[in-house]
Amino acid sequence: MKFVDEASIYVRAGKGGNGALSFWREKFVAKGGPDGGDGGNGGSVVLVADEALNTLIDFRFTKKYIAESGEGGQGRDMTGSKGPDLEIKVPVGTTVIDDDTGETLGDLVRDGQKLKVAQGGHHGLGNTRFKSSTNRAPRQTTKGTVGEERTLKLEMKVLADVGLLGLPNAGKSTFIRAVSSAKPKVADYPFTTLVPNLGVVKVKKHQSFVIADIPGIIEGASEGAGLGIRFLKHLVRNRILLHIVDLAPWDEITPAEAAVIAVNELHQFSPALAERDRWLVLNKTDMVPEDELEERCQSVIDALGWEGKAYRISAISGEGTEVLCLDLMTALDEKRELLLESPEAREKEKAMRALIDEEGRNRIMSLREKRRKAGLLLDDDDFDEDDYDVEVEYVS
């Protein structure tokens, strides 16, 4: 199954049914009155979040969704039936944007959450509605109104508390395998991870958090190189970013250079995202000679101007991962309590997410336009579209 995290669709709500023009006709009743019924309302288009879905692939094949119209009214004051609402299932974590205005219509972040994106047309009135003491035989009716129509852009962002940031082969996939039951592909070459992987980290009974393994970024990712920019937007919903640095890199790049590259690309993609809480994790300590370990760790800290705590771990052996996960759980609990207790904190978080969304979207759009002008991108192509046929695994 392909991992598709963006799609555009056209939706149109149903038209309202027309009101009926009718008069009561019955044997032995000389002057029957008006009895034209109202039409039925048109069906609306509603998006429904479904946790069973983890990709927008279906919307690459079906792009038009049209709800049923309401039926017209009939005689004997019979009202036309309402057009049923058209419910469209989307993955949890989908942001819905009006493609024409750029307005964000809503975020579907809970299973079963609904969002009406196109209102059905209002029903027309039958001539019964116009009966009065001075107008005993009205021939007036109204037609049903047309339903709303929109072109929508759907953006899926994985829902995780913690996101992993780092260059290819930094050990992000190994780390998520070490602390959760998720089993992303791990190999001794870069770009092993092609799509985000999610894992649930169980710290204690009834205490757990979700961690996301995002494909590694490379130098120039903010200009469209590699896979990283396509997935950086998935870090929007993460409360904490774990910046994993490889102390024993596979190529000639030094750990300090690798750390700076990742942070620079993050700033280029979205300055607001770069301001998210970020923890430094120095990985593969078991692969560095003891007499060089302190020097390599310090070089990364100096290059980043890091002032906080730097965690030293070996993801493959699990060394240091337990302490890191316990500290993460504590920090996440504190953040959740703050958001529950403080309306100001909730508003600030909402504004921050909106800003990161906007910056990331603008960055991707500018890169598409630049490539299109250079003749590297056709009008119906996406430079960041996934061409790999891979499985997406969500494991707890």
Protein backbone atom coordinates (compact mmCIF):
# COMPACT_ATOMS: atom_id res chain seq x y z
CA MET A 1 0.00 0.00 0.00
CA LYS A 2 1.36 3.40 -0.93
CA PHE A 3 1.77 6.04 1.74
CA VAL A 4 0.01 9.15 0.44
CA ASP A 5 -0.26 12.14 2.76
CA GLU A 6 -1.73 14.78 0.43
CA ALA A 7 -4.71 14.76 -1.92
CA SER A 8 -7.14 17.18 -3.59
CA ILE A 9 -10.84 16.38 -4.00
CA TYR A 10 -13.99 18.11 -5.25
CA VAL A 11 -17.12 17.93 -3.11
CA ARG A 12 -20.64 19.10 -3.88
CA ALA A 13 -23.65 18.97 -1.60
CA GLY A 14 -27.07 17.97 -2.90
CA LYS A 15 -29.64 20.44 -4.21
CA GLY A 16 -32.80 21.07 -2.20
CA GLY A 17 -36.01 19.66 -3.65
CA ASN A 18 -38.55 22.03 -5.21
CA GLY A 19 -41.84 22.83 -3.56
CA ALA A 20 -44.97 21.33 -5.17
CA LEU A 21 -47.86 23.21 -6.79
CA SER A 22 -50.97 21.15 -6.06
CA PHE A 23 -54.64 21.54 -5.09
CA TRP A 24 -56.80 19.18 -3.16
CA ARG A 25 -59.19 17.38 -5.45
CA GLU A 26 -61.81 15.08 -3.93
CA LYS A 27 -65.27 13.94 -4.91
CA PHE A 28 -68.05 15.99 -3.36
CA VAL A 29 -65.56 18.64 -2.25
CA ALA A 30 -66.30 21.62 -4.43
CA LYS A 31 -63.45 23.88 -3.49
CA GLY A 32 -60.38 21.97 -2.32
CA GLY A 33 -57.54 24.12 -1.08
CA PRO A 34 -53.82 24.10 -1.88
CA ASP A 35 -51.92 21.00 -0.71
CA GLY A 36 -48.49 21.23 -2.32
CA GLY A 37 -45.78 19.96 0.05
CA ASP A 38 -42.25 21.26 0.61
CA GLY A 39 -39.21 19.69 -0.98
CA GLY A 40 -36.54 17.88 1.00
CA ASN A 41 -33.18 19.36 1.98
CA GLY A 42 -30.17 18.32 -0.04
CA GLY A 43 -27.60 16.03 1.53
CA SER A 44 -24.45 17.60 3.01
CA VAL A 45 -20.88 16.34 2.59
CA VAL A 46 -19.24 15.33 5.87
CA LEU A 47 -15.71 14.10 6.52
CA VAL A 48 -15.34 11.48 9.26
CA ALA A 49 -12.04 10.58 10.95
CA ASP A 50 -11.39 6.83 10.95
CA GLU A 51 -8.45 5.35 12.87
CA ALA A 52 -8.53 2.29 10.61
CA LEU A 53 -7.14 4.41 7.75
CA ASN A 54 -3.52 5.49 7.57
CA THR A 55 -3.19 6.91 4.07
CA LEU A 56 -5.05 9.15 1.61
CA ILE A 57 -4.40 6.76 -1.28
CA ASP A 58 -8.11 6.30 -2.10
CA PHE A 59 -8.45 9.99 -2.94
CA ARG A 60 -5.86 9.67 -5.71
CA PHE A 61 -8.33 7.51 -7.66
CA THR A 62 -11.70 9.01 -6.70
CA LYS A 63 -11.62 12.80 -6.74
CA LYS A 64 -15.30 13.80 -7.02
CA TYR A 65 -17.82 13.34 -4.22
CA ILE A 66 -21.40 14.49 -4.79
CA ALA A 67 -24.19 14.12 -2.23
CA GLU A 68 -27.75 13.25 -3.22
CA SER A 69 -30.34 15.96 -3.81
CA GLY A 70 -33.58 16.21 -1.88
CA GLU A 71 -36.79 15.05 -3.54
CA GLY A 72 -39.46 17.49 -4.67
CA GLY A 73 -42.64 17.96 -2.68
CA GLN A 74 -45.92 16.29 -3.70
CA GLY A 75 -49.65 16.81 -3.33
CA ARG A 76 -51.60 16.03 -0.16
CA ASP A 77 -48.99 18.06 1.74
CA MET A 78 -46.37 15.36 1.23
CA THR A 79 -42.84 16.60 1.92
CA GLY A 80 -40.05 15.31 -0.30
CA SER A 81 -37.48 13.10 1.39
CA LYS A 82 -34.17 14.63 2.48
CA GLY A 83 -31.06 13.68 0.57
CA PRO A 84 -28.81 11.56 2.82
CA ASP A 85 -25.55 13.12 3.94
CA LEU A 86 -22.49 11.83 2.15
CA GLU A 87 -19.92 10.72 4.75
CA ILE A 88 -16.34 10.40 3.55
CA LYS A 89 -13.84 8.58 5.77
CA VAL A 90 -10.38 10.09 6.18
CA PRO A 91 -7.44 9.13 8.41
CA VAL A 92 -7.18 10.56 11.90
CA GLY A 93 -4.75 13.48 11.69
CA THR A 94 -6.16 14.97 8.48
CA THR A 95 -6.16 18.74 7.99
CA VAL A 96 -8.86 20.04 5.63
CA ILE A 97 -8.13 23.18 3.58
CA ASP A 98 -10.30 25.09 1.10
CA ASP A 99 -8.08 25.00 -1.98
CA ASP A 100 -9.56 28.21 -3.45
CA THR A 101 -9.29 30.45 -0.39
CA GLY A 102 -6.50 28.74 1.55
CA GLU A 103 -8.72 28.69 4.65
CA THR A 104 -8.21 25.80 7.05
CA LEU A 105 -11.66 24.34 7.64
CA GLY A 106 -10.65 22.03 10.45
CA ASP A 107 -8.43 19.29 11.88
CA LEU A 108 -9.76 15.77 12.39
CA VAL A 109 -7.70 14.50 15.31
CA ARG A 110 -10.06 12.04 17.06
CA ASP A 111 -11.58 8.80 15.84
CA GLY A 112 -15.19 9.44 14.83
CA GLN A 113 -14.80 13.23 14.71
CA LYS A 114 -16.92 14.80 11.95
CA LEU A 115 -16.49 17.95 9.87
CA LYS A 116 -19.17 19.27 7.51
CA VAL A 117 -17.41 20.65 4.44
CA ALA A 118 -20.38 21.35 2.14
CA GLN A 119 -23.88 22.32 3.30
CA GLY A 120 -26.81 20.77 1.47
CA GLY A 121 -29.26 23.03 -0.35
CA HIS A 122 -32.37 24.29 1.46
CA HIS A 123 -35.75 22.85 0.47
CA GLY A 124 -38.24 24.74 -1.67
CA LEU A 125 -41.70 25.66 -0.34
CA GLY A 126 -44.96 24.21 -1.65
CA ASN A 127 -47.94 26.38 -2.42
CA THR A 128 -49.61 25.42 0.89
CA ARG A 129 -47.11 27.72 2.58
CA PHE A 130 -48.53 30.74 0.75
CA LYS A 131 -52.19 30.23 1.69
CA SER A 132 -53.75 33.19 3.49
CA SER A 133 -57.13 34.77 4.10
CA THR A 134 -56.69 36.92 1.02
CA ASN A 135 -55.04 34.28 -1.17
CA ARG A 136 -57.11 31.11 -0.98
CA ALA A 137 -55.64 29.49 -4.09
CA PRO A 138 -51.94 30.42 -4.23
CA ARG A 139 -49.91 29.30 -7.18
CA GLN A 140 -46.63 30.37 -5.65
CA THR A 141 -43.84 27.91 -4.93
CA THR A 142 -40.11 28.21 -4.44
CA LYS A 143 -37.31 26.11 -5.81
CA GLY A 144 -34.73 24.39 -3.67
CA THR A 145 -31.33 26.08 -3.42
CA VAL A 146 -28.15 24.52 -4.77
CA GLY A 147 -25.73 22.85 -2.37
CA GLU A 148 -22.29 24.19 -1.56
CA GLU A 149 -19.35 23.01 -3.62
CA ARG A 150 -15.68 23.16 -2.80
CA THR A 151 -12.29 21.95 -3.89
CA LEU A 152 -10.53 20.63 -0.82
CA LYS A 153 -6.92 19.90 -0.08
CA LEU A 154 -6.43 17.09 2.42
CA GLU A 155 -3.17 16.90 4.36
CA MET A 156 -2.48 13.97 6.64
CA LYS A 157 -0.06 14.40 9.52
CA VAL A 158 0.83 11.49 11.76
CA LEU A 159 -0.28 11.89 15.37
CA ALA A 160 2.60 11.35 17.78
CA ASP A 161 3.82 12.89 21.01
CA VAL A 162 7.49 12.59 20.10
CA GLY A 163 9.11 12.94 16.68
CA LEU A 164 12.58 11.75 15.69
CA LEU A 165 14.77 14.19 13.79
CA GLY A 166 18.10 13.38 12.22
CA LEU A 167 20.10 12.53 9.13
CA PRO A 168 19.80 9.16 7.38
CA ASN A 169 21.35 6.25 9.29
CA ALA A 170 21.46 8.18 12.58
CA GLY A 171 19.74 5.22 14.26
CA LYS A 172 16.17 6.55 14.45
CA SER A 173 14.58 3.29 13.29
CA THR A 174 16.79 1.27 15.64
CA PHE A 175 15.76 3.53 18.50
CA ILE A 176 12.02 3.10 17.85
CA ARG A 177 12.52 -0.68 17.65
CA ALA A 178 14.36 -0.60 20.97
CA VAL A 179 11.71 1.29 22.91
CA SER A 180 8.46 0.04 21.30
CA SER A 181 6.99 -2.96 19.49
CA ALA A 182 7.16 -1.27 16.09
CA LYS A 183 9.47 -3.02 13.64
CA PRO A 184 10.54 -0.55 10.95
CA LYS A 185 13.13 -1.68 8.46
CA VAL A 186 16.71 -1.36 9.67
CA ALA A 187 19.77 -1.76 7.44
CA ASP A 188 23.38 -0.59 7.17
CA TYR A 189 22.69 1.89 4.38
CA PRO A 190 21.00 5.32 4.34
CA PHE A 191 17.38 6.06 3.36
CA THR A 192 16.11 2.77 4.79
CA THR A 193 13.02 4.55 6.14
CA LEU A 194 10.79 5.79 3.33
CA VAL A 195 7.61 6.57 5.29
CA PRO A 196 6.85 7.51 8.90
CA ASN A 197 6.62 4.65 11.39
CA LEU A 198 4.70 4.91 14.64
CA GLY A 199 5.33 3.03 17.86
CA VAL A 200 3.74 3.14 21.31
CA VAL A 201 6.28 3.38 24.13
CA LYS A 202 4.93 1.84 27.34
CA VAL A 203 6.82 3.32 30.28
CA LYS A 204 4.70 2.11 33.18
CA LYS A 205 1.23 0.64 33.61
CA HIS A 206 -1.27 3.06 32.09
CA GLN A 207 1.57 5.36 31.03
CA SER A 208 2.62 5.46 27.40
CA PHE A 209 3.31 7.83 24.53
CA VAL A 210 3.47 7.63 20.75
CA ILE A 211 6.74 8.14 18.92
CA ALA A 212 7.17 8.79 15.17
CA ASP A 213 10.17 7.76 13.10
CA ILE A 214 10.40 10.33 10.29
CA PRO A 215 12.56 9.64 7.19
CA GLY A 216 15.96 11.28 7.51
CA ILE A 217 16.70 14.65 5.96
CA ILE A 218 19.87 15.54 4.07
CA GLU A 219 21.63 18.79 3.30
CA GLY A 220 19.47 20.68 0.82
CA ALA A 221 16.24 19.02 1.97
CA SER A 222 14.62 22.44 2.43
CA GLU A 223 15.31 23.00 -1.30
CA GLY A 224 13.63 19.72 -2.22
CA ALA A 225 16.58 17.28 -2.02
CA GLY A 226 15.85 13.80 -0.72
CA LEU A 227 12.69 12.66 1.05
CA GLY A 228 12.98 14.71 4.21
CA ILE A 229 11.03 17.86 3.32
CA ARG A 230 7.98 15.82 2.39
CA PHE A 231 7.81 14.41 5.89
CA LEU A 232 8.99 17.35 8.00
CA LYS A 233 5.37 18.53 8.18
CA HIS A 234 4.55 15.39 10.17
CA LEU A 235 6.54 16.88 13.06
CA VAL A 236 3.93 19.65 13.44
CA ARG A 237 1.83 17.75 15.96
CA ASN A 238 4.77 16.45 18.00
CA ARG A 239 5.20 18.02 21.42
CA ILE A 240 8.88 17.10 21.68
CA LEU A 241 11.47 16.55 18.95
CA LEU A 242 14.31 14.12 19.60
CA HIS A 243 17.33 15.21 17.60
CA ILE A 244 19.32 11.99 17.17
CA VAL A 245 22.95 12.43 16.17
CA ASP A 246 25.13 9.58 14.94
CA LEU A 247 28.46 9.58 16.80
CA ALA A 248 29.87 7.00 14.37
CA PRO A 249 28.64 8.25 10.96
CA TRP A 250 28.80 5.98 7.92
CA ASP A 251 30.39 8.60 5.64
CA GLU A 252 33.09 11.24 6.02
CA ILE A 253 30.80 13.79 7.66
CA THR A 254 31.53 14.48 11.32
CA PRO A 255 28.87 14.18 14.06
CA ALA A 256 29.04 17.95 14.65
CA GLU A 257 28.50 18.70 10.94
CA ALA A 258 25.59 16.25 10.78
CA ALA A 259 23.93 17.87 13.79
CA VAL A 260 24.23 21.37 12.32
CA ILE A 261 22.87 20.26 8.93
CA ALA A 262 19.71 18.82 10.48
CA VAL A 263 19.03 21.95 12.54
CA ASN A 264 19.70 24.27 9.58
CA GLU A 265 17.28 22.36 7.36
CA LEU A 266 14.67 22.49 10.10
CA HIS A 267 15.05 26.28 10.32
CA GLN A 268 14.84 26.63 6.53
CA PHE A 269 11.66 24.58 6.36
CA SER A 270 9.87 26.31 9.24
CA PRO A 271 11.42 28.68 11.80
CA ALA A 272 8.44 28.06 14.07
CA LEU A 273 8.98 24.28 13.94
CA ALA A 274 12.62 24.84 14.87
CA GLU A 275 11.41 26.56 18.05
CA ARG A 276 9.63 23.41 19.25
CA ASP A 277 11.03 21.71 22.35
CA ARG A 278 14.00 19.73 21.07
CA TRP A 279 16.11 17.25 23.00
CA LEU A 280 19.59 16.20 21.97
CA VAL A 281 20.31 12.47 21.80
CA LEU A 282 23.84 11.25 21.03
CA ASN A 283 23.54 7.74 19.61
CA LYS A 284 25.92 4.80 18.94
CA THR A 285 28.12 5.45 21.95
CA ASP A 286 29.07 1.76 21.85
CA MET A 287 30.71 2.22 18.44
CA VAL A 288 33.09 4.98 19.51
CA PRO A 289 36.45 4.29 21.18
CA GLU A 290 36.36 5.30 24.85
CA ASP A 291 39.21 7.77 24.45
CA GLU A 292 37.29 9.58 21.66
CA LEU A 293 33.75 9.50 23.09
CA GLU A 294 33.94 12.61 25.25
CA GLU A 295 35.53 14.65 22.48
CA ARG A 296 32.89 13.67 19.91
CA CYS A 297 30.02 14.39 22.30
CA GLN A 298 31.45 17.78 23.21
CA SER A 299 32.03 18.69 19.55
CA VAL A 300 28.31 18.25 18.84
CA ILE A 301 27.32 20.26 21.91
CA ASP A 302 29.70 23.08 20.96
CA ALA A 303 28.62 23.12 17.30
CA LEU A 304 24.96 23.49 18.28
CA GLY A 305 25.62 25.82 21.19
CA TRP A 306 23.62 23.33 23.24
CA GLU A 307 22.85 24.32 26.82
CA GLY A 308 20.39 21.63 27.88
CA LYS A 309 20.88 18.00 28.80
CA ALA A 310 22.43 15.73 26.17
CA TYR A 311 21.40 12.07 26.39
CA ARG A 312 24.00 9.46 25.49
CA ILE A 313 22.53 6.18 24.27
CA SER A 314 23.15 3.07 22.26
CA ALA A 315 19.88 2.29 20.51
CA ILE A 316 20.99 -1.14 19.33
CA SER A 317 21.83 -2.33 22.87
CA GLY A 318 19.19 -0.23 24.64
CA GLU A 319 21.75 1.47 26.85
CA GLY A 320 20.42 4.82 28.11
CA THR A 321 17.03 4.46 26.42
CA GLU A 322 15.09 3.67 29.61
CA VAL A 323 16.13 6.88 31.34
CA LEU A 324 15.37 8.88 28.21
CA CYS A 325 11.87 7.40 27.90
CA LEU A 326 11.09 8.01 31.59
CA ASP A 327 12.14 11.65 31.24
CA LEU A 328 10.04 11.99 28.08
CA MET A 329 6.98 10.58 29.84
CA THR A 330 7.42 13.03 32.72
CA ALA A 331 7.78 16.00 30.36
CA LEU A 332 4.77 14.97 28.27
CA ASP A 333 2.60 14.56 31.38
CA GLU A 334 3.55 18.06 32.48
CA LYS A 335 2.68 19.46 29.06
CA ARG A 336 -0.70 17.70 29.06
CA GLU A 337 -1.54 19.05 32.52
CA LEU A 338 -0.58 22.57 31.44
CA LEU A 339 -2.81 22.38 28.36
CA LEU A 340 -5.71 21.07 30.43
CA GLU A 341 -5.41 23.76 33.08
CA SER A 342 -4.47 26.80 31.01
CA PRO A 343 -6.67 28.23 28.21
CA GLU A 344 -3.80 30.56 27.32
CA ALA A 345 -1.47 27.59 26.80
CA ARG A 346 -4.04 25.88 24.58
CA GLU A 347 -4.43 29.00 22.45
CA LYS A 348 -0.66 29.37 22.18
CA GLU A 349 -0.31 25.73 21.10
CA LYS A 350 -3.08 26.14 18.53
CA ALA A 351 -1.45 29.28 17.12
CA MET A 352 1.95 27.59 16.98
CA ARG A 353 0.58 24.62 15.04
CA ALA A 354 -1.22 26.92 12.62
CA LEU A 355 1.98 28.91 12.02
CA ILE A 356 4.06 25.78 11.42
CA ASP A 357 1.38 24.49 9.03
CA GLU A 358 1.43 27.75 7.10
CA GLU A 359 5.22 28.00 6.92
CA GLY A 360 5.61 24.39 5.82
CA ARG A 361 2.82 24.65 3.23
CA ASN A 362 4.27 27.86 1.79
CA ARG A 363 7.73 26.29 1.61
CA ILE A 364 6.50 23.27 -0.30
CA MET A 365 4.39 25.40 -2.65
CA SER A 366 7.33 27.69 -3.43
CA LEU A 367 9.53 24.68 -4.24
CA ARG A 368 6.87 23.26 -6.55
CA GLU A 369 6.58 26.58 -8.36
CA LYS A 370 10.35 26.88 -8.68
CA ARG A 371 10.59 23.40 -10.19
CA ARG A 372 7.66 24.06 -12.50
CA LYS A 373 9.30 27.23 -13.85
CA ALA A 374 12.53 25.31 -14.38
CA GLY A 375 10.65 22.71 -16.40
CA LEU A 376 11.32 19.99 -13.84
CA LEU A 377 7.71 19.56 -12.80
CA LEU A 378 4.56 19.03 -14.84
CA ASP A 379 1.33 20.75 -13.79
CA ASP A 380 -0.23 17.49 -12.62
CA ASP A 381 2.86 16.18 -10.82
CA ASP A 382 3.96 16.47 -7.20
CA PHE A 383 7.72 16.60 -6.65
CA ASP A 384 7.22 15.22 -3.16
CA GLU A 385 4.88 12.39 -4.13
CA ASP A 386 5.92 8.98 -2.88
CA ASP A 387 6.89 6.52 -5.61
CA TYR A 388 7.68 3.65 -3.29
CA ASP A 389 5.26 0.78 -2.76
CA VAL A 390 5.69 0.22 0.94
CA GLU A 391 3.76 -0.85 4.00
CA VAL A 392 2.87 1.57 6.79
CA GLU A 393 2.84 -0.11 10.19
CA TYR A 394 1.17 1.24 13.33
CA VAL A 395 2.06 -1.04 16.24
CA SER A 396 1.47 -0.71 19.97
